[in-house]
C-alpha cells in the first residue's frame, strides 16, 4: 500500500482510519521499524496532511495507529482532545456540552408532565 492509497482510505472512511504499523512501515519502504523509520513515517504522514494517534508512533508492527486528515472536522476534534489548553477545552465544551445530561432538570420536567 502506498502513501496515496493510505490517504485515499482515510478520506473514504470519513477522514479517519486505523492501520497497523506494518502497513505504514511497508508504505515507507522499510523492512524494520526503528526510531528513525518511525520518525520518518510521522513526517511522511504530516507531509500529506495526515495526523496520527498515538502521537508517538509505536515500534511494534502489529500495533494499531489511528490516522486522520488534518483540517477536517474529525481532525480538529482529535487535535482538540490531544492538545491540552483553555481554547481547546472551550471548543470541546461548546461542541459537546457538559459532561452529561442534567438529571435534575429531566426529573423536574417529568414531574411537570405528570402533575406532581
PDB file of N, CA and C in Angstrom:
ATOM      1  N   UNK A   1       0.854  -1.177   0.000  1.00  0.00           N
ATOM      2  CA  UNK A   1       0.000   0.000   0.000  1.00  0.00           C
ATOM      3  C   UNK A   1       0.898   1.238   0.000  1.00  0.00           C
ATOM      4  N   UNK A   2       0.541   2.209  -0.806  1.00  0.00           N
ATOM      5  CA  UNK A   2       1.332   3.434  -0.920  1.00  0.00           C
ATOM      6  C   UNK A   2       0.752   4.525  -0.019  1.00  0.00           C
ATOM      7  N   UNK A   3       1.501   5.630   0.120  1.00  0.00           N
ATOM      8  CA  UNK A   3       1.005   6.772   0.901  1.00  0.00           C
ATOM      9  C   UNK A   3      -0.282   7.300   0.295  1.00  0.00           C
ATOM     10  N   UNK A   4      -0.363   7.336  -1.048  1.00  0.00           N
ATOM     11  CA  UNK A   4      -1.592   7.815  -1.698  1.00  0.00           C
ATOM     12  C   UNK A   4      -2.774   6.910  -1.383  1.00  0.00           C
ATOM     13  N   UNK A   5      -2.550   5.604  -1.343  1.00  0.00           N
ATOM     14  CA  UNK A   5      -3.627   4.667  -1.008  1.00  0.00           C
ATOM     15  C   UNK A   5      -4.050   4.831   0.455  1.00  0.00           C
ATOM     16  N   UNK A   6      -3.097   5.059   1.321  1.00  0.00           N
ATOM     17  CA  UNK A   6      -3.414   5.288   2.728  1.00  0.00           C
ATOM     18  C   UNK A   6      -4.270   6.539   2.859  1.00  0.00           C
ATOM     19  N   UNK A   7      -3.853   7.612   2.190  1.00  0.00           N
ATOM     20  CA  UNK A   7      -4.620   8.858   2.237  1.00  0.00           C
ATOM     21  C   UNK A   7      -6.018   8.644   1.664  1.00  0.00           C
ATOM     22  N   UNK A   8      -6.142   7.910   0.566  1.00  0.00           N
ATOM     23  CA  UNK A   8      -7.451   7.625  -0.024  1.00  0.00           C
ATOM     24  C   UNK A   8      -8.338   6.839   0.945  1.00  0.00           C
ATOM     25  N   UNK A   9      -7.760   5.838   1.628  1.00  0.00           N
ATOM     26  CA  UNK A   9      -8.532   5.054   2.605  1.00  0.00           C
ATOM     27  C   UNK A   9      -9.031   5.944   3.736  1.00  0.00           C
ATOM     28  N   UNK A  10      -8.184   6.839   4.200  1.00  0.00           N
ATOM     29  CA  UNK A  10      -8.578   7.762   5.266  1.00  0.00           C
ATOM     30  C   UNK A  10      -9.744   8.636   4.795  1.00  0.00           C
ATOM     31  N   UNK A  11      -9.627   9.193   3.609  1.00  0.00           N
ATOM     32  CA  UNK A  11     -10.668  10.080   3.086  1.00  0.00           C
ATOM     33  C   UNK A  11     -11.966   9.324   2.820  1.00  0.00           C
ATOM     34  N   UNK A  12     -11.882   8.098   2.336  1.00  0.00           N
ATOM     35  CA  UNK A  12     -13.082   7.295   2.053  1.00  0.00           C
ATOM     36  C   UNK A  12     -13.792   6.854   3.326  1.00  0.00           C
ATOM     37  N   UNK A  13     -13.081   6.830   4.432  1.00  0.00           N
ATOM     38  CA  UNK A  13     -13.634   6.351   5.694  1.00  0.00           C
ATOM     39  C   UNK A  13     -14.003   7.509   6.618  1.00  0.00           C
ATOM     40  N   UNK A  14     -14.385   8.649   6.066  1.00  0.00           N
ATOM     41  CA  UNK A  14     -14.801   9.770   6.901  1.00  0.00           C
ATOM     42  C   UNK A  14     -13.648  10.576   7.454  1.00  0.00           C
ATOM     43  N   UNK A  15     -12.498  10.531   6.802  1.00  0.00           N
ATOM     44  CA  UNK A  15     -11.294  11.277   7.193  1.00  0.00           C
ATOM     45  C   UNK A  15     -10.618  10.738   8.439  1.00  0.00           C
ATOM     46  N   UNK A  16     -10.871   9.450   8.726  1.00  0.00           N
ATOM     47  CA  UNK A  16     -10.191   8.789   9.845  1.00  0.00           C
ATOM     48  C   UNK A  16     -10.183   7.289   9.567  1.00  0.00           C
ATOM     49  N   UNK A  17      -9.067   6.641   9.867  1.00  0.00           N
ATOM     50  CA  UNK A  17      -8.962   5.200   9.604  1.00  0.00           C
ATOM     51  C   UNK A  17      -7.822   4.637  10.443  1.00  0.00           C
ATOM     52  N   UNK A  18      -7.949   3.380  10.847  1.00  0.00           N
ATOM     53  CA  UNK A  18      -6.921   2.727  11.653  1.00  0.00           C
ATOM     54  C   UNK A  18      -6.128   1.747  10.803  1.00  0.00           C
ATOM     55  N   UNK A  19      -4.820   1.815  10.938  1.00  0.00           N
ATOM     56  CA  UNK A  19      -3.891   0.917  10.243  1.00  0.00           C
ATOM     57  C   UNK A  19      -2.963   0.304  11.284  1.00  0.00           C
ATOM     58  N   UNK A  20      -2.339  -0.808  10.915  1.00  0.00           N
ATOM     59  CA  UNK A  20      -1.276  -1.345  11.763  1.00  0.00           C
ATOM     60  C   UNK A  20       0.047  -0.735  11.300  1.00  0.00           C
ATOM     61  N   UNK A  21       1.008  -0.747  12.183  1.00  0.00           N
ATOM     62  CA  UNK A  21       2.302  -0.147  11.877  1.00  0.00           C
ATOM     63  C   UNK A  21       3.004  -0.847  10.716  1.00  0.00           C
ATOM     64  N   UNK A  22       2.731  -2.144  10.497  1.00  0.00           N
ATOM     65  CA  UNK A  22       3.390  -2.793   9.371  1.00  0.00           C
ATOM     66  C   UNK A  22       2.914  -2.227   8.036  1.00  0.00           C
ATOM     67  N   UNK A  23       1.658  -1.791   7.947  1.00  0.00           N
ATOM     68  CA  UNK A  23       1.165  -1.157   6.722  1.00  0.00           C
ATOM     69  C   UNK A  23       1.911   0.158   6.488  1.00  0.00           C
ATOM     70  N   UNK A  24       2.069   0.942   7.556  1.00  0.00           N
ATOM     71  CA  UNK A  24       2.795   2.211   7.436  1.00  0.00           C
ATOM     72  C   UNK A  24       4.269   1.978   7.131  1.00  0.00           C
ATOM     73  N   UNK A  25       4.837   0.978   7.763  1.00  0.00           N
ATOM     74  CA  UNK A  25       6.248   0.638   7.512  1.00  0.00           C
ATOM     75  C   UNK A  25       6.446   0.244   6.051  1.00  0.00           C
ATOM     76  N   UNK A  26       5.536  -0.575   5.517  1.00  0.00           N
ATOM     77  CA  UNK A  26       5.639  -1.006   4.125  1.00  0.00           C
ATOM     78  C   UNK A  26       5.463   0.169   3.166  1.00  0.00           C
ATOM     79  N   UNK A  27       4.551   1.086   3.477  1.00  0.00           N
ATOM     80  CA  UNK A  27       4.370   2.274   2.636  1.00  0.00           C
ATOM     81  C   UNK A  27       5.650   3.099   2.610  1.00  0.00           C
ATOM     82  N   UNK A  28       6.353   3.094   3.724  1.00  0.00           N
ATOM     83  CA  UNK A  28       7.615   3.824   3.822  1.00  0.00           C
ATOM     84  C   UNK A  28       8.731   3.117   3.055  1.00  0.00           C
ATOM     85  N   UNK A  29       8.557   1.798   2.815  1.00  0.00           N
ATOM     86  CA  UNK A  29       9.567   1.032   2.080  1.00  0.00           C
ATOM     87  C   UNK A  29      10.655   0.473   2.960  1.00  0.00           C
ATOM     88  N   UNK A  30      10.351   0.287   4.235  1.00  0.00           N
ATOM     89  CA  UNK A  30      11.345  -0.231   5.166  1.00  0.00           C
ATOM     90  C   UNK A  30      11.013  -1.664   5.558  1.00  0.00           C
ATOM     91  N   UNK A  31      12.050  -2.398   5.937  1.00  0.00           N
ATOM     92  CA  UNK A  31      11.879  -3.777   6.373  1.00  0.00           C
ATOM     93  C   UNK A  31      11.644  -3.869   7.876  1.00  0.00           C
ATOM     94  N   UNK A  32      12.154  -2.880   8.620  1.00  0.00           N
ATOM     95  CA  UNK A  32      12.047  -2.929  10.078  1.00  0.00           C
ATOM     96  C   UNK A  32      11.660  -1.563  10.618  1.00  0.00           C
ATOM     97  N   UNK A  33      11.001  -1.591  11.759  1.00  0.00           N
ATOM     98  CA  UNK A  33      10.651  -0.354  12.452  1.00  0.00           C
ATOM     99  C   UNK A  33      11.741  -0.028  13.457  1.00  0.00           C
ATOM    100  N   UNK A  34      12.210   1.179  13.411  1.00  0.00           N
ATOM    101  CA  UNK A  34      13.182   1.676  14.370  1.00  0.00           C
ATOM    102  C   UNK A  34      12.867   3.132  14.636  1.00  0.00           C
ATOM    103  N   UNK A  35      13.633   3.743  15.498  1.00  0.00           N
ATOM    104  CA  UNK A  35      13.396   5.125  15.886  1.00  0.00           C
ATOM    105  C   UNK A  35      13.377   6.044  14.669  1.00  0.00           C
ATOM    106  N   UNK A  36      14.356   5.890  13.788  1.00  0.00           N
ATOM    107  CA  UNK A  36      14.428   6.761  12.610  1.00  0.00           C
ATOM    108  C   UNK A  36      13.275   6.498  11.641  1.00  0.00           C
ATOM    109  N   UNK A  37      12.954   5.233  11.418  1.00  0.00           N
ATOM    110  CA  UNK A  37      11.867   4.886  10.499  1.00  0.00           C
ATOM    111  C   UNK A  37      10.545   5.423  11.027  1.00  0.00           C
ATOM    112  N   UNK A  38      10.297   5.260  12.317  1.00  0.00           N
ATOM    113  CA  UNK A  38       9.060   5.744  12.919  1.00  0.00           C
ATOM    114  C   UNK A  38       8.964   7.264  12.769  1.00  0.00           C
ATOM    115  N   UNK A  39      10.048   7.955  12.984  1.00  0.00           N
ATOM    116  CA  UNK A  39      10.081   9.413  12.827  1.00  0.00           C
ATOM    117  C   UNK A  39       9.803   9.809  11.373  1.00  0.00           C
ATOM    118  N   UNK A  40      10.400   9.089  10.450  1.00  0.00           N
ATOM    119  CA  UNK A  40      10.195   9.376   9.031  1.00  0.00           C
ATOM    120  C   UNK A  40       8.752   9.091   8.605  1.00  0.00           C
ATOM    121  N   UNK A  41       8.134   8.053   9.160  1.00  0.00           N
ATOM    122  CA  UNK A  41       6.723   7.756   8.877  1.00  0.00           C
ATOM    123  C   UNK A  41       5.851   8.910   9.350  1.00  0.00           C
ATOM    124  N   UNK A  42       6.105   9.394  10.544  1.00  0.00           N
ATOM    125  CA  UNK A  42       5.354  10.518  11.085  1.00  0.00           C
ATOM    126  C   UNK A  42       5.481  11.743  10.176  1.00  0.00           C
ATOM    127  N   UNK A  43       6.701  12.006   9.728  1.00  0.00           N
ATOM    128  CA  UNK A  43       6.944  13.145   8.835  1.00  0.00           C
ATOM    129  C   UNK A  43       6.260  12.951   7.487  1.00  0.00           C
ATOM    130  N   UNK A  44       6.264  11.734   6.969  1.00  0.00           N
ATOM    131  CA  UNK A  44       5.612  11.449   5.685  1.00  0.00           C
ATOM    132  C   UNK A  44       4.106  11.678   5.793  1.00  0.00           C
ATOM    133  N   UNK A  45       3.502  11.229   6.895  1.00  0.00           N
ATOM    134  CA  UNK A  45       2.067  11.433   7.105  1.00  0.00           C
ATOM    135  C   UNK A  45       1.754  12.925   7.165  1.00  0.00           C
ATOM    136  N   UNK A  46       2.553  13.666   7.925  1.00  0.00           N
ATOM    137  CA  UNK A  46       2.343  15.113   8.037  1.00  0.00           C
ATOM    138  C   UNK A  46       2.472  15.778   6.668  1.00  0.00           C
ATOM    139  N   UNK A  47       3.376  15.280   5.854  1.00  0.00           N
ATOM    140  CA  UNK A  47       3.609  15.843   4.537  1.00  0.00           C
ATOM    141  C   UNK A  47       2.440  15.696   3.582  1.00  0.00           C
ATOM    142  N   UNK A  48       1.568  14.728   3.849  1.00  0.00           N
ATOM    143  CA  UNK A  48       0.377  14.546   3.009  1.00  0.00           C
ATOM    144  C   UNK A  48      -0.897  14.958   3.746  1.00  0.00           C
ATOM    145  N   UNK A  49      -0.710  15.735   4.832  1.00  0.00           N
ATOM    146  CA  UNK A  49      -1.858  16.305   5.539  1.00  0.00           C
ATOM    147  C   UNK A  49      -2.547  15.379   6.513  1.00  0.00           C
ATOM    148  N   UNK A  50      -1.836  14.353   6.972  1.00  0.00           N
ATOM    149  CA  UNK A  50      -2.427  13.392   7.901  1.00  0.00           C
ATOM    150  C   UNK A  50      -1.745  13.458   9.265  1.00  0.00           C
ATOM    151  N   UNK A  51      -2.540  13.278  10.304  1.00  0.00           N
ATOM    152  CA  UNK A  51      -2.030  13.180  11.660  1.00  0.00           C
ATOM    153  C   UNK A  51      -2.227  11.763  12.165  1.00  0.00           C
ATOM    154  N   UNK A  52      -1.721  11.468  13.349  1.00  0.00           N
ATOM    155  CA  UNK A  52      -1.839  10.113  13.873  1.00  0.00           C
ATOM    156  C   UNK A  52      -1.965  10.097  15.390  1.00  0.00           C
ATOM    157  N   UNK A  53      -2.613   9.037  15.854  1.00  0.00           N
ATOM    158  CA  UNK A  53      -2.747   8.744  17.274  1.00  0.00           C
ATOM    159  C   UNK A  53      -2.355   7.287  17.450  1.00  0.00           C
ATOM    160  N   UNK A  54      -1.425   6.973  18.333  1.00  0.00           N
ATOM    161  CA  UNK A  54      -0.818   7.856  19.312  1.00  0.00           C
ATOM    162  C   UNK A  54       0.158   8.838  18.659  1.00  0.00           C
ATOM    163  N   UNK A  55       0.417   9.905  19.409  1.00  0.00           N
ATOM    164  CA  UNK A  55       1.316  10.942  18.923  1.00  0.00           C
ATOM    165  C   UNK A  55       2.720  10.368  18.716  1.00  0.00           C
ATOM    166  N   UNK A  56       3.151   9.515  19.611  1.00  0.00           N
ATOM    167  CA  UNK A  56       4.429   8.812  19.471  1.00  0.00           C
ATOM    168  C   UNK A  56       4.124   7.453  18.852  1.00  0.00           C
ATOM    169  N   UNK A  57       4.458   7.286  17.585  1.00  0.00           N
ATOM    170  CA  UNK A  57       4.159   6.036  16.895  1.00  0.00           C
ATOM    171  C   UNK A  57       4.892   4.869  17.554  1.00  0.00           C
ATOM    172  N   UNK A  58       4.214   3.715  17.617  1.00  0.00           N
ATOM    173  CA  UNK A  58       4.844   2.543  18.243  1.00  0.00           C
ATOM    174  C   UNK A  58       5.893   1.901  17.336  1.00  0.00           C
ATOM    175  N   UNK A  59       6.779   1.124  17.942  1.00  0.00           N
ATOM    176  CA  UNK A  59       7.835   0.416  17.212  1.00  0.00           C
ATOM    177  C   UNK A  59       7.448  -1.017  16.864  1.00  0.00           C
ATOM    178  N   UNK A  60       6.276  -1.456  17.322  1.00  0.00           N
ATOM    179  CA  UNK A  60       5.847  -2.834  17.110  1.00  0.00           C
ATOM    180  C   UNK A  60       4.918  -2.896  15.902  1.00  0.00           C
ATOM    181  N   UNK A  61       5.197  -3.770  14.947  1.00  0.00           N
ATOM    182  CA  UNK A  61       4.486  -3.792  13.675  1.00  0.00           C
ATOM    183  C   UNK A  61       2.998  -4.104  13.767  1.00  0.00           C
ATOM    184  N   UNK A  62       2.550  -4.783  14.808  1.00  0.00           N
ATOM    185  CA  UNK A  62       1.141  -5.152  14.916  1.00  0.00           C
ATOM    186  C   UNK A  62       0.309  -4.133  15.693  1.00  0.00           C
ATOM    187  N   UNK A  63       0.953  -3.107  16.226  1.00  0.00           N
ATOM    188  CA  UNK A  63       0.228  -2.052  16.942  1.00  0.00           C
ATOM    189  C   UNK A  63      -0.619  -1.243  15.967  1.00  0.00           C
ATOM    190  N   UNK A  64      -1.795  -0.838  16.443  1.00  0.00           N
ATOM    191  CA  UNK A  64      -2.691  -0.048  15.601  1.00  0.00           C
ATOM    192  C   UNK A  64      -2.445   1.442  15.791  1.00  0.00           C
ATOM    193  N   UNK A  65      -2.641   2.170  14.699  1.00  0.00           N
ATOM    194  CA  UNK A  65      -2.459   3.616  14.691  1.00  0.00           C
ATOM    195  C   UNK A  65      -3.668   4.226  13.994  1.00  0.00           C
ATOM    196  N   UNK A  66      -4.274   5.194  14.638  1.00  0.00           N
ATOM    197  CA  UNK A  66      -5.402   5.907  14.023  1.00  0.00           C
ATOM    198  C   UNK A  66      -4.836   7.072  13.222  1.00  0.00           C
ATOM    199  N   UNK A  67      -5.172   7.096  11.939  1.00  0.00           N
ATOM    200  CA  UNK A  67      -4.714   8.154  11.038  1.00  0.00           C
ATOM    201  C   UNK A  67      -5.925   9.028  10.719  1.00  0.00           C
ATOM    202  N   UNK A  68      -5.739  10.337  10.775  1.00  0.00           N
ATOM    203  CA  UNK A  68      -6.838  11.258  10.480  1.00  0.00           C
ATOM    204  C   UNK A  68      -6.339  12.370   9.571  1.00  0.00           C
ATOM    205  N   UNK A  69      -7.286  12.958   8.831  1.00  0.00           N
ATOM    206  CA  UNK A  69      -6.945  14.049   7.929  1.00  0.00           C
ATOM    207  C   UNK A  69      -7.027  15.354   8.693  1.00  0.00           C
ATOM    208  N   UNK A  70      -5.926  16.065   8.736  1.00  0.00           N
ATOM    209  CA  UNK A  70      -5.874  17.348   9.437  1.00  0.00           C
ATOM    210  C   UNK A  70      -6.731  18.379   8.722  1.00  0.00           C
ATOM    211  N   UNK A  71      -7.302  19.297   9.497  1.00  0.00           N
ATOM    212  CA  UNK A  71      -8.090  20.378   8.927  1.00  0.00           C
ATOM    213  C   UNK A  71      -9.541  20.020   8.671  1.00  0.00           C
ATOM    214  N   UNK A  72      -9.909  18.765   8.884  1.00  0.00           N
ATOM    215  CA  UNK A  72     -11.302  18.344   8.736  1.00  0.00           C
ATOM    216  C   UNK A  72     -11.967  18.400  10.102  1.00  0.00           C
ATOM    217  N   UNK A  73     -13.306  18.372  10.156  1.00  0.00           N
ATOM    218  CA  UNK A  73     -13.957  18.375  11.473  1.00  0.00           C
ATOM    219  C   UNK A  73     -13.469  17.253  12.390  1.00  0.00           C
ATOM    220  N   UNK A  74     -13.333  16.046  11.873  1.00  0.00           N
ATOM    221  CA  UNK A  74     -12.865  14.951  12.730  1.00  0.00           C
ATOM    222  C   UNK A  74     -11.413  15.170  13.130  1.00  0.00           C
ATOM    223  N   UNK A  75     -10.612  15.699  12.235  1.00  0.00           N
ATOM    224  CA  UNK A  75      -9.220  16.000  12.557  1.00  0.00           C
ATOM    225  C   UNK A  75      -9.103  17.067  13.624  1.00  0.00           C
ATOM    226  N   UNK A  76      -9.944  18.099  13.522  1.00  0.00           N
ATOM    227  CA  UNK A  76      -9.939  19.160  14.529  1.00  0.00           C
ATOM    228  C   UNK A  76     -10.378  18.618  15.883  1.00  0.00           C
ATOM    229  N   UNK A  77     -11.347  17.700  15.883  1.00  0.00           N
ATOM    230  CA  UNK A  77     -11.785  17.092  17.139  1.00  0.00           C
ATOM    231  C   UNK A  77     -10.651  16.308  17.778  1.00  0.00           C
ATOM    232  N   UNK A  78      -9.997  15.464  16.987  1.00  0.00           N
ATOM    233  CA  UNK A  78      -8.889  14.664  17.512  1.00  0.00           C
ATOM    234  C   UNK A  78      -7.806  15.575  18.081  1.00  0.00           C
ATOM    235  N   UNK A  79      -7.446  16.613  17.353  1.00  0.00           N
ATOM    236  CA  UNK A  79      -6.384  17.504  17.813  1.00  0.00           C
ATOM    237  C   UNK A  79      -6.812  18.311  19.034  1.00  0.00           C
ATOM    238  N   UNK A  80      -8.090  18.670  19.131  1.00  0.00           N
ATOM    239  CA  UNK A  80      -8.575  19.371  20.335  1.00  0.00           C
ATOM    240  C   UNK A  80      -8.482  18.484  21.563  1.00  0.00           C
ATOM    241  N   UNK A  81      -8.805  17.199  21.389  1.00  0.00           N
ATOM    242  CA  UNK A  81      -8.733  16.262  22.513  1.00  0.00           C
ATOM    243  C   UNK A  81      -7.283  16.020  22.919  1.00  0.00           C
ATOM    244  N   UNK A  82      -6.389  15.942  21.944  1.00  0.00           N
ATOM    245  CA  UNK A  82      -4.994  15.615  22.232  1.00  0.00           C
ATOM    246  C   UNK A  82      -4.156  16.782  22.731  1.00  0.00           C
ATOM    247  N   UNK A  83      -4.621  18.008  22.463  1.00  0.00           N
ATOM    248  CA  UNK A  83      -3.810  19.171  22.796  1.00  0.00           C
ATOM    249  C   UNK A  83      -4.447  19.929  23.960  1.00  0.00           C
ATOM    250  N   UNK A  84      -3.897  19.792  25.171  1.00  0.00           N
ATOM    251  CA  UNK A  84      -4.464  20.487  26.320  1.00  0.00           C
ATOM    252  C   UNK A  84      -4.372  22.006  26.147  1.00  0.00           C
ATOM    253  N   UNK A  85      -5.324  22.686  26.737  1.00  0.00           N
ATOM    254  CA  UNK A  85      -5.309  24.140  26.700  1.00  0.00           C
ATOM    255  C   UNK A  85      -6.714  24.690  26.836  1.00  0.00           C
ATOM    256  N   UNK A  86      -6.797  25.884  27.350  1.00  0.00           N
ATOM    257  CA  UNK A  86      -8.087  26.510  27.611  1.00  0.00           C
ATOM    258  C   UNK A  86      -8.919  26.641  26.335  1.00  0.00           C
ATOM    259  N   UNK A  87      -8.294  27.049  25.238  1.00  0.00           N
ATOM    260  CA  UNK A  87      -9.020  27.221  23.978  1.00  0.00           C
ATOM    261  C   UNK A  87      -9.624  25.898  23.498  1.00  0.00           C
ATOM    262  N   UNK A  88      -8.838  24.815  23.584  1.00  0.00           N
ATOM    263  CA  UNK A  88      -9.352  23.512  23.159  1.00  0.00           C
ATOM    264  C   UNK A  88     -10.406  22.997  24.119  1.00  0.00           C
ATOM    265  N   UNK A  89     -10.258  23.258  25.412  1.00  0.00           N
ATOM    266  CA  UNK A  89     -11.293  22.877  26.379  1.00  0.00           C
ATOM    267  C   UNK A  89     -12.605  23.564  26.039  1.00  0.00           C
ATOM    268  N   UNK A  90     -12.539  24.858  25.765  1.00  0.00           N
ATOM    269  CA  UNK A  90     -13.734  25.621  25.427  1.00  0.00           C
ATOM    270  C   UNK A  90     -14.361  25.089  24.148  1.00  0.00           C
ATOM    271  N   UNK A  91     -13.536  24.783  23.175  1.00  0.00           N
ATOM    272  CA  UNK A  91     -14.024  24.240  21.908  1.00  0.00           C
ATOM    273  C   UNK A  91     -14.772  22.931  22.120  1.00  0.00           C
ATOM    274  N   UNK A  92     -14.234  22.066  22.965  1.00  0.00           N
ATOM    275  CA  UNK A  92     -14.894  20.784  23.235  1.00  0.00           C
ATOM    276  C   UNK A  92     -16.204  20.968  23.988  1.00  0.00           C
ATOM    277  N   UNK A  93     -16.208  21.848  24.980  1.00  0.00           N
ATOM    278  CA  UNK A  93     -17.434  22.098  25.740  1.00  0.00           C
ATOM    279  C   UNK A  93     -18.491  22.736  24.841  1.00  0.00           C
ATOM    280  N   UNK A  94     -18.077  23.698  24.018  1.00  0.00           N
ATOM    281  CA  UNK A  94     -19.019  24.336  23.098  1.00  0.00           C
ATOM    282  C   UNK A  94     -19.627  23.327  22.140  1.00  0.00           C
ATOM    283  N   UNK A  95     -18.820  22.377  21.718  1.00  0.00           N
ATOM    284  CA  UNK A  95     -19.294  21.402  20.734  1.00  0.00           C
ATOM    285  C   UNK A  95     -20.118  20.286  21.347  1.00  0.00           C
ATOM    286  N   UNK A  96     -19.748  19.839  22.539  1.00  0.00           N
ATOM    287  CA  UNK A  96     -20.384  18.661  23.119  1.00  0.00           C
ATOM    288  C   UNK A  96     -21.127  18.918  24.420  1.00  0.00           C
ATOM    289  N   UNK A  97     -21.096  20.147  24.907  1.00  0.00           N
ATOM    290  CA  UNK A  97     -21.799  20.465  26.142  1.00  0.00           C
ATOM    291  C   UNK A  97     -21.052  19.984  27.360  1.00  0.00           C
ATOM    292  N   UNK A  98     -21.773  19.894  28.433  1.00  0.00           N
ATOM    293  CA  UNK A  98     -21.164  19.462  29.699  1.00  0.00           C
ATOM    294  C   UNK A  98     -21.024  17.952  29.728  1.00  0.00           C
ATOM    295  N   UNK A  99     -20.564  17.437  30.823  1.00  0.00           N
ATOM    296  CA  UNK A  99     -20.234  16.021  30.935  1.00  0.00           C
ATOM    297  C   UNK A  99     -21.424  15.092  30.718  1.00  0.00           C
ATOM    298  N   UNK A 100     -22.622  15.546  30.933  1.00  0.00           N
ATOM    299  CA  UNK A 100     -23.769  14.660  30.759  1.00  0.00           C
ATOM    300  C   UNK A 100     -25.066  15.417  30.903  1.00  0.00           C
ATOM    301  N   UNK A 101     -26.159  14.681  30.798  1.00  0.00           N
ATOM    302  CA  UNK A 101     -27.464  15.333  30.906  1.00  0.00           C
ATOM    303  C   UNK A 101     -27.716  15.873  32.305  1.00  0.00           C
ATOM    304  N   UNK A 102     -28.537  16.898  32.383  1.00  0.00           N
ATOM    305  CA  UNK A 102     -28.928  17.495  33.656  1.00  0.00           C
ATOM    306  C   UNK A 102     -30.112  16.693  34.189  1.00  0.00           C
ATOM    307  N   UNK A 103     -29.823  15.687  35.040  1.00  0.00           N
ATOM    308  CA  UNK A 103     -30.862  14.788  35.518  1.00  0.00           C
ATOM    309  C   UNK A 103     -31.890  15.503  36.388  1.00  0.00           C
ATOM    310  N   UNK A 104     -31.469  16.500  37.140  1.00  0.00           N
ATOM    311  CA  UNK A 104     -32.425  17.251  37.964  1.00  0.00           C
ATOM    312  C   UNK A 104     -33.453  17.934  37.076  1.00  0.00           C
ATOM    313  N   UNK A 105     -33.018  18.495  35.971  1.00  0.00           N
ATOM    314  CA  UNK A 105     -33.935  19.148  35.039  1.00  0.00           C
ATOM    315  C   UNK A 105     -34.868  18.124  34.399  1.00  0.00           C
ATOM    316  N   UNK A 106     -34.361  16.974  34.066  1.00  0.00           N
ATOM    317  CA  UNK A 106     -35.191  15.914  33.486  1.00  0.00           C
ATOM    318  C   UNK A 106     -36.267  15.481  34.462  1.00  0.00           C
ATOM    319  N   UNK A 107     -35.895  15.263  35.726  1.00  0.00           N
ATOM    320  CA  UNK A 107     -36.871  14.871  36.754  1.00  0.00           C
ATOM    321  C   UNK A 107     -37.917  15.964  36.928  1.00  0.00           C
ATOM    322  N   UNK A 108     -37.482  17.213  36.944  1.00  0.00           N
ATOM    323  CA  UNK A 108     -38.420  18.335  37.069  1.00  0.00           C
ATOM    324  C   UNK A 108     -39.417  18.338  35.912  1.00  0.00           C
ATOM    325  N   UNK A 109     -38.960  18.137  34.704  1.00  0.00           N
ATOM    326  CA  UNK A 109     -39.843  18.112  33.537  1.00  0.00           C
ATOM    327  C   UNK A 109     -40.822  16.949  33.628  1.00  0.00           C
ATOM    328  N   UNK A 110     -40.367  15.815  34.086  1.00  0.00           N
ATOM    329  CA  UNK A 110     -41.255  14.654  34.228  1.00  0.00           C
ATOM    330  C   UNK A 110     -42.330  14.964  35.274  1.00  0.00           C
ATOM    331  N   UNK A 111     -41.947  15.571  36.381  1.00  0.00           N
ATOM    332  CA  UNK A 111     -42.925  15.932  37.420  1.00  0.00           C
ATOM    333  C   UNK A 111     -43.958  16.905  36.887  1.00  0.00           C
ATOM    334  N   UNK A 112     -43.497  17.858  36.075  1.00  0.00           N
ATOM    335  CA  UNK A 112     -44.440  18.805  35.474  1.00  0.00           C
ATOM    336  C   UNK A 112     -45.413  18.093  34.556  1.00  0.00           C
ATOM    337  N   UNK A 113     -44.945  17.128  33.828  1.00  0.00           N
ATOM    338  CA  UNK A 113     -45.788  16.403  32.884  1.00  0.00           C
ATOM    339  C   UNK A 113     -46.826  15.521  33.590  1.00  0.00           C
ATOM    340  N   UNK A 114     -46.429  14.912  34.693  1.00  0.00           N
ATOM    341  CA  UNK A 114     -47.362  14.034  35.401  1.00  0.00           C
ATOM    342  C   UNK A 114     -48.156  14.764  36.464  1.00  0.00           C
ATOM    343  N   UNK A 115     -47.890  16.044  36.612  1.00  0.00           N
ATOM    344  CA  UNK A 115     -48.672  16.864  37.549  1.00  0.00           C
ATOM    345  C   UNK A 115     -48.351  16.653  39.002  1.00  0.00           C
ATOM    346  N   UNK A 116     -47.133  16.306  39.313  1.00  0.00           N
ATOM    347  CA  UNK A 116     -46.736  16.075  40.713  1.00  0.00           C
ATOM    348  C   UNK A 116     -46.233  17.358  41.338  1.00  0.00           C
TER     349      UNK A 116
END
